[in-house]
Amino acid sequence: MARAIIMVLDSVGIGGAPDAQAFGDEGANTLGHIAAACASGHGDKEGLRKGPLTLPHLTVLGLSRLAPELGDKPADSTPSSRGLYGRASEVSKGKDTPSGHWEIAGVPVAFEWGYFPQTIPTFPASLIRQIIDDSEIPGILGDKHASGTEIIAELGEESVRTGKPIFYTSSDSVLQIAAHEEHFGLQRLMALCEAARRHCDPLNIGRVIARPFVGEDPASFTRTANRRDFSVPPPEPTLLDRAEEAGRTTFGIGKIADIFAHQGISRIKKGAGNMALFDATLEAFAEAQDGDLIFANFIDFDTNFGHRRDVPGYAAALEAFDRRLPELDAALRPGDLVVITADHGCDPTWRGSDHTRERVPVLAYGPDIPARDIGTLKTFADIGESVAAHLGLPAGRHGTSFL
């Protein structure tokens, strides 16, 4: 019995989803378009990065076979030198974070989430009245679709002055609430989000997200690492639940615990940004025993660069992650399994600022994993079932192991 780790590069899609047209995303390709932009000089930024997208460690795992825009693709007769490589299609009905992660963990989302309309105001008046009555806030600001950083810059000072939190949403099934961590109070914000979660349940809203920020003016306002997602629990036991029920320790890195409504998580490790999350992942790996499972989310790709349509920033973040992989490789023991994948796309060259429906890469490797092409998986659930098989856990109902 060995350990397993799933590393979700949040939003690093590779295009080609068979149902992309239904989402208005036909042609979106997060990784491919970033690589193409970098090759043409559009990924350059003074003091940050320059030149073609360079991901040597992910390339040798087979990523360049999935994204030919990366270049350095081995000859067809040359196998990937480090493990299994393929792509996966999503069968869940959304292109959001919970749907992608739940499906990776073996539980696709077969139902439709509730969404808020592209109107101002966007939230039902009855919902806002219920939340105000339940939390004793003086009112709200925002009440529209918006970028989180932009709406905090726009309304942060008024929020501090009036004590009114900022309510906003996106194309995801989400209600986000931003408030100043010190002036409004972090615990008060969490209590407000708990109240909002209760009133969003009848509307089938996937997440209520607390977005605390600090600073004293638009130039200094910064969102903190104390974000918390109040999520609907998965509709049936996930890979994490099965592992915990079998007596294994499960580590949730970053926002994983929030995504799964804290179900099936034994230990939680947080970090402010991808590099801190990589540190937390290595820390968990050092603590994990045979049979344990680590599930990590690397959020910066999506939040800081995908939604903000920042190609140079996204490229630099990918390269920074790639440079850390040798540290993980050095910690591997015989029998360990590493799976690197994503939960959806967020193409920084695409219109708008929301997620994009895409296939995701699946790179699986370890000291005892033979190299081969696993083709196109019909569901992300195959990832979870492969990890379950590796750990000797009971099989789920929705996927098939590729091991």
Protein backbone atom coordinates (compact mmCIF):
# COMPACT_ATOMS: atom_id res chain seq x y z
CA MET A 1 0.00 0.00 0.00
CA ALA A 2 1.41 3.40 -0.99
CA ARG A 3 0.47 7.05 -0.94
CA ALA A 4 -1.37 9.08 -3.56
CA ILE A 5 -1.53 12.78 -4.33
CA ILE A 6 -3.88 14.66 -6.65
CA MET A 7 -2.66 18.11 -7.66
CA VAL A 8 -5.32 20.29 -9.30
CA LEU A 9 -3.89 23.17 -11.31
CA ASP A 10 -7.02 25.29 -11.01
CA SER A 11 -8.27 26.25 -14.51
CA VAL A 12 -5.36 24.83 -16.58
CA GLY A 13 -7.57 23.42 -19.34
CA ILE A 14 -6.27 22.20 -22.70
CA GLY A 15 -9.27 22.94 -24.96
CA GLY A 16 -11.20 20.48 -27.08
CA ALA A 17 -14.23 19.85 -24.86
CA PRO A 18 -16.80 18.06 -27.03
CA ASP A 19 -19.63 20.20 -25.62
CA ALA A 20 -17.76 23.54 -25.56
CA GLN A 21 -20.17 25.07 -28.07
CA ALA A 22 -23.08 24.64 -25.65
CA PHE A 23 -21.20 26.84 -23.18
CA GLY A 24 -20.15 29.44 -25.74
CA ASP A 25 -16.54 28.26 -25.42
CA GLU A 26 -15.81 26.50 -28.70
CA GLY A 27 -12.18 27.27 -29.46
CA ALA A 28 -11.15 28.13 -25.91
CA ASN A 29 -7.82 26.56 -24.93
CA THR A 30 -6.19 27.88 -21.77
CA LEU A 31 -2.79 26.21 -21.98
CA GLY A 32 -2.55 26.22 -25.78
CA HIS A 33 -3.38 29.91 -26.10
CA ILE A 34 -0.95 30.88 -23.31
CA ALA A 35 1.81 28.92 -25.06
CA ALA A 36 0.97 30.50 -28.41
CA ALA A 37 0.90 33.99 -26.88
CA CYS A 38 4.29 33.44 -25.26
CA ALA A 39 5.77 32.14 -28.52
CA SER A 40 4.65 35.34 -30.29
CA GLY A 41 6.00 37.65 -27.58
CA HIS A 42 2.61 38.45 -26.06
CA GLY A 43 3.54 36.68 -22.84
CA ASP A 44 6.45 39.00 -22.11
CA LYS A 45 6.36 41.35 -19.15
CA GLU A 46 9.29 43.41 -17.95
CA GLY A 47 10.69 42.05 -14.71
CA LEU A 48 8.42 38.97 -14.77
CA ARG A 49 9.14 36.69 -17.72
CA LYS A 50 10.06 36.61 -21.39
CA GLY A 51 10.04 34.23 -24.33
CA PRO A 52 8.35 30.87 -25.04
CA LEU A 53 6.47 29.10 -22.27
CA THR A 54 9.05 26.80 -20.67
CA LEU A 55 7.76 23.81 -18.69
CA PRO A 56 10.52 21.18 -18.88
CA HIS A 57 9.31 18.94 -16.05
CA LEU A 58 5.67 18.90 -17.16
CA THR A 59 6.82 18.37 -20.74
CA VAL A 60 8.74 15.23 -19.83
CA LEU A 61 5.59 13.97 -18.06
CA GLY A 62 3.79 14.15 -21.40
CA LEU A 63 2.13 17.57 -21.30
CA SER A 64 3.55 18.59 -24.68
CA ARG A 65 1.78 15.61 -26.24
CA LEU A 66 -1.49 17.07 -25.00
CA ALA A 67 -0.66 20.68 -25.88
CA PRO A 68 1.47 20.71 -29.04
CA GLU A 69 1.72 24.50 -28.77
CA LEU A 70 4.32 23.89 -26.06
CA GLY A 71 6.78 22.46 -28.58
CA ASP A 72 9.46 19.93 -27.58
CA LYS A 73 7.05 17.12 -28.39
CA PRO A 74 8.89 13.80 -28.51
CA ALA A 75 8.82 11.79 -31.71
CA ASP A 76 5.76 9.56 -31.98
CA SER A 77 7.98 6.52 -31.55
CA THR A 78 9.33 7.89 -28.27
CA PRO A 79 7.18 7.21 -25.21
CA SER A 80 6.72 9.76 -22.47
CA SER A 81 9.65 9.19 -20.18
CA ARG A 82 7.89 9.66 -16.86
CA GLY A 83 4.46 8.07 -16.71
CA LEU A 84 0.89 8.14 -18.00
CA TYR A 85 -0.49 11.04 -19.99
CA GLY A 86 -3.94 11.74 -21.41
CA ARG A 87 -6.86 14.12 -21.32
CA ALA A 88 -10.28 13.98 -19.65
CA SER A 89 -13.69 15.31 -20.64
CA GLU A 90 -16.15 16.59 -18.05
CA VAL A 91 -19.67 15.17 -17.88
CA SER A 92 -20.91 17.44 -15.08
CA LYS A 93 -23.34 20.11 -16.21
CA GLY A 94 -21.27 23.08 -15.06
CA LYS A 95 -17.79 24.48 -15.66
CA ASP A 96 -17.30 25.51 -12.06
CA THR A 97 -14.94 24.55 -9.25
CA PRO A 98 -17.21 22.21 -7.23
CA SER A 99 -18.38 20.32 -10.31
CA GLY A 100 -14.84 19.76 -11.53
CA HIS A 101 -13.42 18.72 -8.18
CA TRP A 102 -16.35 16.50 -7.23
CA GLU A 103 -16.09 14.72 -10.57
CA ILE A 104 -12.34 14.26 -10.12
CA ALA A 105 -13.22 12.66 -6.77
CA GLY A 106 -15.62 10.26 -8.48
CA VAL A 107 -18.95 12.12 -8.19
CA PRO A 108 -20.11 13.96 -11.34
CA VAL A 109 -22.76 16.65 -10.95
CA ALA A 110 -25.85 15.45 -12.80
CA PHE A 111 -28.12 18.32 -11.73
CA GLU A 112 -28.31 21.96 -12.77
CA TRP A 113 -26.94 24.57 -10.38
CA GLY A 114 -28.85 27.77 -9.73
CA TYR A 115 -27.41 30.97 -11.22
CA PHE A 116 -28.02 34.69 -10.82
CA PRO A 117 -29.03 36.71 -13.91
CA GLN A 118 -26.89 39.26 -15.75
CA THR A 119 -28.94 42.14 -14.39
CA ILE A 120 -28.49 44.98 -11.92
CA PRO A 121 -29.61 44.20 -9.29
CA THR A 122 -28.76 40.54 -9.82
CA PHE A 123 -29.92 39.01 -6.51
CA PRO A 124 -33.60 38.40 -5.70
CA ALA A 125 -34.86 41.10 -3.32
CA SER A 126 -36.38 38.41 -1.11
CA LEU A 127 -32.99 36.70 -0.73
CA ILE A 128 -31.24 39.92 0.27
CA ARG A 129 -34.02 40.79 2.73
CA GLN A 130 -33.74 37.33 4.36
CA ILE A 131 -29.96 37.67 4.71
CA ILE A 132 -30.20 41.21 6.14
CA ASP A 133 -32.86 40.16 8.64
CA ASP A 134 -30.80 37.13 9.68
CA SER A 135 -27.51 39.00 10.11
CA GLU A 136 -28.44 42.55 11.16
CA ILE A 137 -26.28 44.26 8.55
CA PRO A 138 -27.37 47.78 7.51
CA GLY A 139 -27.70 46.81 3.84
CA ILE A 140 -25.47 45.70 0.98
CA LEU A 141 -23.38 47.19 -1.82
CA GLY A 142 -22.71 45.83 -5.29
CA ASP A 143 -25.55 43.46 -6.17
CA LYS A 144 -24.15 42.66 -9.62
CA HIS A 145 -21.82 40.49 -11.66
CA ALA A 146 -18.26 41.71 -11.14
CA SER A 147 -14.57 40.93 -10.84
CA GLY A 148 -13.69 40.57 -7.18
CA THR A 149 -10.64 42.83 -7.26
CA GLU A 150 -12.41 45.47 -9.32
CA ILE A 151 -15.52 45.66 -7.15
CA ILE A 152 -13.43 45.91 -3.98
CA ALA A 153 -11.49 48.81 -5.54
CA GLU A 154 -14.80 50.40 -6.56
CA LEU A 155 -16.77 49.93 -3.35
CA GLY A 156 -14.25 49.08 -0.63
CA GLU A 157 -14.08 52.57 0.88
CA GLU A 158 -17.87 52.89 0.94
CA SER A 159 -18.12 49.47 2.56
CA VAL A 160 -15.71 50.49 5.33
CA ARG A 161 -17.53 53.81 5.83
CA THR A 162 -21.09 52.42 5.90
CA GLY A 163 -20.54 48.94 7.32
CA LYS A 164 -22.32 47.45 4.31
CA PRO A 165 -20.66 44.33 2.84
CA ILE A 166 -20.18 43.96 -0.92
CA PHE A 167 -22.33 41.29 -2.61
CA TYR A 168 -21.44 40.13 -6.13
CA THR A 169 -21.48 37.07 -8.38
CA SER A 170 -20.16 35.68 -11.67
CA SER A 171 -21.28 33.20 -14.29
CA ASP A 172 -20.66 30.46 -11.69
CA SER A 173 -23.26 29.32 -9.19
CA VAL A 174 -21.93 31.57 -6.46
CA LEU A 175 -22.70 34.43 -4.08
CA GLN A 176 -19.53 36.23 -3.02
CA ILE A 177 -19.42 38.58 -0.05
CA ALA A 178 -16.48 40.93 0.45
CA ALA A 179 -15.88 42.91 3.64
CA HIS A 180 -12.92 44.48 5.38
CA GLU A 181 -11.22 41.97 7.64
CA GLU A 182 -10.61 44.51 10.42
CA HIS A 183 -13.30 47.19 10.09
CA PHE A 184 -16.15 44.74 9.43
CA GLY A 185 -14.55 41.80 11.24
CA LEU A 186 -13.47 38.41 9.97
CA GLN A 187 -15.68 36.34 12.26
CA ARG A 188 -18.64 38.59 11.52
CA LEU A 189 -18.07 38.04 7.79
CA MET A 190 -17.99 34.27 8.31
CA ALA A 191 -21.23 34.38 10.29
CA LEU A 192 -22.82 36.47 7.54
CA CYS A 193 -21.78 33.91 4.92
CA GLU A 194 -23.19 31.08 7.03
CA ALA A 195 -26.53 32.91 7.11
CA ALA A 196 -26.36 33.52 3.36
CA ARG A 197 -25.57 29.84 2.81
CA ARG A 198 -28.81 28.82 4.53
CA HIS A 199 -30.90 31.17 2.42
CA CYS A 200 -29.15 30.19 -0.83
CA ASP A 201 -29.93 26.50 -0.36
CA PRO A 202 -33.47 26.72 -1.82
CA LEU A 203 -31.99 28.41 -4.91
CA ASN A 204 -29.46 25.57 -5.41
CA ILE A 205 -26.49 27.96 -5.35
CA GLY A 206 -23.26 25.99 -5.21
CA ARG A 207 -21.10 28.27 -3.08
CA VAL A 208 -21.21 31.29 -0.83
CA ILE A 209 -17.68 32.70 -0.63
CA ALA A 210 -16.28 34.94 2.08
CA ARG A 211 -13.85 37.42 0.51
CA PRO A 212 -12.09 39.35 3.32
CA PHE A 213 -9.77 42.19 2.35
CA VAL A 214 -7.44 44.62 4.09
CA GLY A 215 -6.07 48.07 3.25
CA GLU A 216 -7.33 51.63 3.60
CA ASP A 217 -7.90 52.81 0.02
CA PRO A 218 -8.37 51.38 -3.49
CA ALA A 219 -4.61 51.39 -4.10
CA SER A 220 -3.91 49.27 -1.02
CA PHE A 221 -6.98 47.02 -0.82
CA THR A 222 -5.83 43.39 -0.95
CA ARG A 223 -7.81 40.18 -0.54
CA THR A 224 -6.41 37.97 2.22
CA ALA A 225 -5.77 34.24 2.49
CA ASN A 226 -8.72 33.94 4.91
CA ARG A 227 -11.15 33.30 2.09
CA ARG A 228 -13.62 30.56 2.86
CA ASP A 229 -16.07 28.76 0.59
CA PHE A 230 -19.38 27.64 2.11
CA SER A 231 -20.30 24.86 -0.30
CA VAL A 232 -23.19 22.49 -0.80
CA PRO A 233 -21.99 19.00 0.19
CA PRO A 234 -21.49 16.42 -2.59
CA PRO A 235 -24.61 14.32 -3.30
CA GLU A 236 -22.88 11.00 -2.54
CA PRO A 237 -19.62 9.75 -0.97
CA THR A 238 -16.51 10.93 -2.80
CA LEU A 239 -13.05 9.41 -3.02
CA LEU A 240 -12.18 11.38 0.12
CA ASP A 241 -15.10 9.89 2.05
CA ARG A 242 -14.16 6.38 0.96
CA ALA A 243 -10.56 6.91 2.00
CA GLU A 244 -11.48 8.29 5.41
CA GLU A 245 -14.02 5.51 6.01
CA ALA A 246 -11.25 3.00 5.29
CA GLY A 247 -9.18 4.56 8.08
CA ARG A 248 -6.82 6.53 5.87
CA THR A 249 -5.69 10.08 6.57
CA THR A 250 -6.83 12.55 3.93
CA PHE A 251 -5.09 15.89 3.55
CA GLY A 252 -6.94 18.84 1.99
CA ILE A 253 -4.53 21.48 0.70
CA GLY A 254 -5.77 25.01 0.00
CA LYS A 255 -9.49 25.31 -0.62
CA ILE A 256 -10.13 21.55 -0.99
CA ALA A 257 -11.89 21.25 2.37
CA ASP A 258 -14.23 24.12 1.49
CA ILE A 259 -15.02 22.64 -1.93
CA PHE A 260 -16.10 19.37 -0.30
CA ALA A 261 -17.98 21.10 2.55
CA HIS A 262 -15.32 19.69 4.91
CA GLN A 263 -16.53 16.12 4.28
CA GLY A 264 -13.93 13.37 4.04
CA ILE A 265 -11.07 15.64 5.14
CA SER A 266 -8.86 14.55 8.05
CA ARG A 267 -6.33 17.40 8.01
CA ILE A 268 -6.35 20.85 6.41
CA LYS A 269 -3.33 22.82 5.30
CA LYS A 270 -3.61 26.34 3.89
CA GLY A 271 -1.27 28.68 2.10
CA ALA A 272 -1.35 32.17 0.60
CA GLY A 273 -0.58 31.57 -3.06
CA ASN A 274 0.68 28.72 -5.19
CA MET A 275 4.18 28.57 -3.75
CA ALA A 276 2.91 28.46 -0.16
CA LEU A 277 0.43 25.79 -1.25
CA PHE A 278 3.27 23.80 -2.78
CA ASP A 279 5.12 24.07 0.54
CA ALA A 280 1.99 22.82 2.34
CA THR A 281 1.71 19.94 -0.13
CA LEU A 282 5.30 18.87 0.53
CA GLU A 283 4.65 19.14 4.27
CA ALA A 284 1.60 16.88 3.95
CA PHE A 285 3.55 14.44 1.82
CA ALA A 286 6.19 14.19 4.54
CA GLU A 287 3.48 13.43 7.13
CA ALA A 288 1.47 10.98 4.98
CA GLN A 289 1.71 7.26 5.69
CA ASP A 290 1.09 4.34 3.38
CA GLY A 291 -2.49 4.39 2.14
CA ASP A 292 -3.01 8.12 2.75
CA LEU A 293 -4.38 10.60 0.22
CA ILE A 294 -3.37 14.21 -0.43
CA PHE A 295 -5.70 16.41 -2.50
CA ALA A 296 -4.26 19.84 -3.38
CA ASN A 297 -5.66 22.83 -5.23
CA PHE A 298 -3.44 25.54 -6.71
CA ILE A 299 -5.75 28.51 -6.94
CA ASP A 300 -3.58 31.32 -8.32
CA PHE A 301 -3.84 30.15 -11.93
CA ASP A 302 -7.58 30.76 -11.87
CA THR A 303 -8.13 33.58 -9.41
CA ASN A 304 -5.10 35.78 -10.05
CA PHE A 305 -4.50 35.23 -13.75
CA GLY A 306 -7.31 33.40 -15.57
CA HIS A 307 -10.19 35.58 -14.40
CA ARG A 308 -8.04 38.70 -14.75
CA ARG A 309 -7.06 37.69 -18.31
CA ASP A 310 -3.38 38.05 -17.45
CA VAL A 311 -1.35 35.99 -19.93
CA PRO A 312 2.15 36.90 -18.64
CA GLY A 313 1.11 36.30 -15.04
CA TYR A 314 -0.47 32.94 -15.90
CA ALA A 315 2.62 31.88 -17.85
CA ALA A 316 4.95 32.88 -15.02
CA ALA A 317 2.81 30.95 -12.52
CA LEU A 318 2.96 27.82 -14.68
CA GLU A 319 6.72 28.10 -14.94
CA ALA A 320 7.05 28.63 -11.19
CA PHE A 321 4.99 25.50 -10.50
CA ASP A 322 7.08 23.50 -12.98
CA ARG A 323 10.30 24.53 -11.24
CA ARG A 324 9.03 23.08 -7.94
CA LEU A 325 8.26 19.59 -9.27
CA PRO A 326 11.77 18.17 -8.64
CA GLU A 327 11.18 18.79 -4.93
CA LEU A 328 8.10 16.58 -5.04
CA ASP A 329 9.93 13.96 -7.09
CA ALA A 330 12.67 13.81 -4.45
CA ALA A 331 10.06 12.94 -1.81
CA LEU A 332 8.53 10.01 -3.74
CA ARG A 333 8.81 6.51 -2.36
CA PRO A 334 8.31 3.21 -4.19
CA GLY A 335 4.60 2.71 -4.85
CA ASP A 336 3.63 6.40 -4.66
CA LEU A 337 1.27 7.88 -7.27
CA VAL A 338 1.12 11.54 -8.33
CA VAL A 339 -1.73 12.81 -10.52
CA ILE A 340 -1.56 16.32 -11.99
CA THR A 341 -4.78 17.58 -13.55
CA ALA A 342 -7.22 20.53 -13.64
CA ASP A 343 -10.90 21.19 -12.91
CA HIS A 344 -11.94 23.39 -15.87
CA GLY A 345 -10.46 26.10 -18.08
CA CYS A 346 -10.13 29.87 -17.68
CA ASP A 347 -8.56 30.95 -20.97
CA PRO A 348 -6.90 34.36 -20.39
CA THR A 349 -7.18 35.14 -24.11
CA TRP A 350 -10.94 34.45 -24.17
CA ARG A 351 -13.76 36.97 -24.08
CA GLY A 352 -15.23 37.91 -20.72
CA SER A 353 -13.64 36.96 -17.42
CA ASP A 354 -15.22 33.61 -16.58
CA HIS A 355 -14.34 29.92 -16.74
CA THR A 356 -14.17 28.13 -20.07
CA ARG A 357 -15.44 24.63 -20.84
CA GLU A 358 -12.38 22.56 -21.74
CA ARG A 359 -10.83 19.16 -21.39
CA VAL A 360 -8.13 18.86 -18.73
CA PRO A 361 -4.70 17.21 -18.77
CA VAL A 362 -4.13 14.01 -16.82
CA LEU A 363 -0.50 13.29 -15.94
CA ALA A 364 0.04 10.32 -13.60
CA TYR A 365 3.45 9.15 -12.50
CA GLY A 366 5.49 7.53 -9.75
CA PRO A 367 8.50 5.27 -9.28
CA ASP A 368 6.53 2.19 -10.36
CA ILE A 369 4.20 3.71 -13.00
CA PRO A 370 5.05 2.63 -16.58
CA ALA A 371 4.92 5.23 -19.34
CA ARG A 372 2.03 5.15 -21.82
CA ASP A 373 -0.69 7.19 -23.49
CA ILE A 374 -4.04 6.68 -21.74
CA GLY A 375 -5.97 8.54 -24.43
CA THR A 376 -9.12 10.55 -23.74
CA LEU A 377 -11.04 9.73 -20.57
CA LYS A 378 -14.82 10.08 -20.87
CA THR A 379 -15.15 11.56 -17.38
CA PHE A 380 -12.97 13.20 -14.74
CA ALA A 381 -14.27 10.44 -12.44
CA ASP A 382 -11.74 8.06 -14.01
CA ILE A 383 -9.08 10.02 -12.11
CA GLY A 384 -10.69 9.35 -8.74
CA GLU A 385 -11.30 5.70 -9.55
CA SER A 386 -7.66 5.26 -10.57
CA VAL A 387 -6.50 6.71 -7.26
CA ALA A 388 -9.01 4.51 -5.42
CA ALA A 389 -7.65 1.42 -7.18
CA HIS A 390 -4.09 2.46 -6.37
CA LEU A 391 -4.95 2.85 -2.69
CA GLY A 392 -7.00 -0.35 -2.53
CA LEU A 393 -10.24 1.50 -1.79
CA PRO A 394 -13.75 0.40 -2.80
CA ALA A 395 -14.71 1.43 -6.34
CA GLY A 396 -17.25 4.16 -6.98
CA ARG A 397 -20.14 4.14 -9.46
CA HIS A 398 -19.11 6.67 -12.07
CA GLY A 399 -15.61 6.05 -13.41
CA THR A 400 -13.07 3.45 -14.49
CA SER A 401 -9.46 3.17 -13.39
CA PHE A 402 -6.88 3.85 -16.12
CA LEU A 403 -4.13 2.08 -14.17
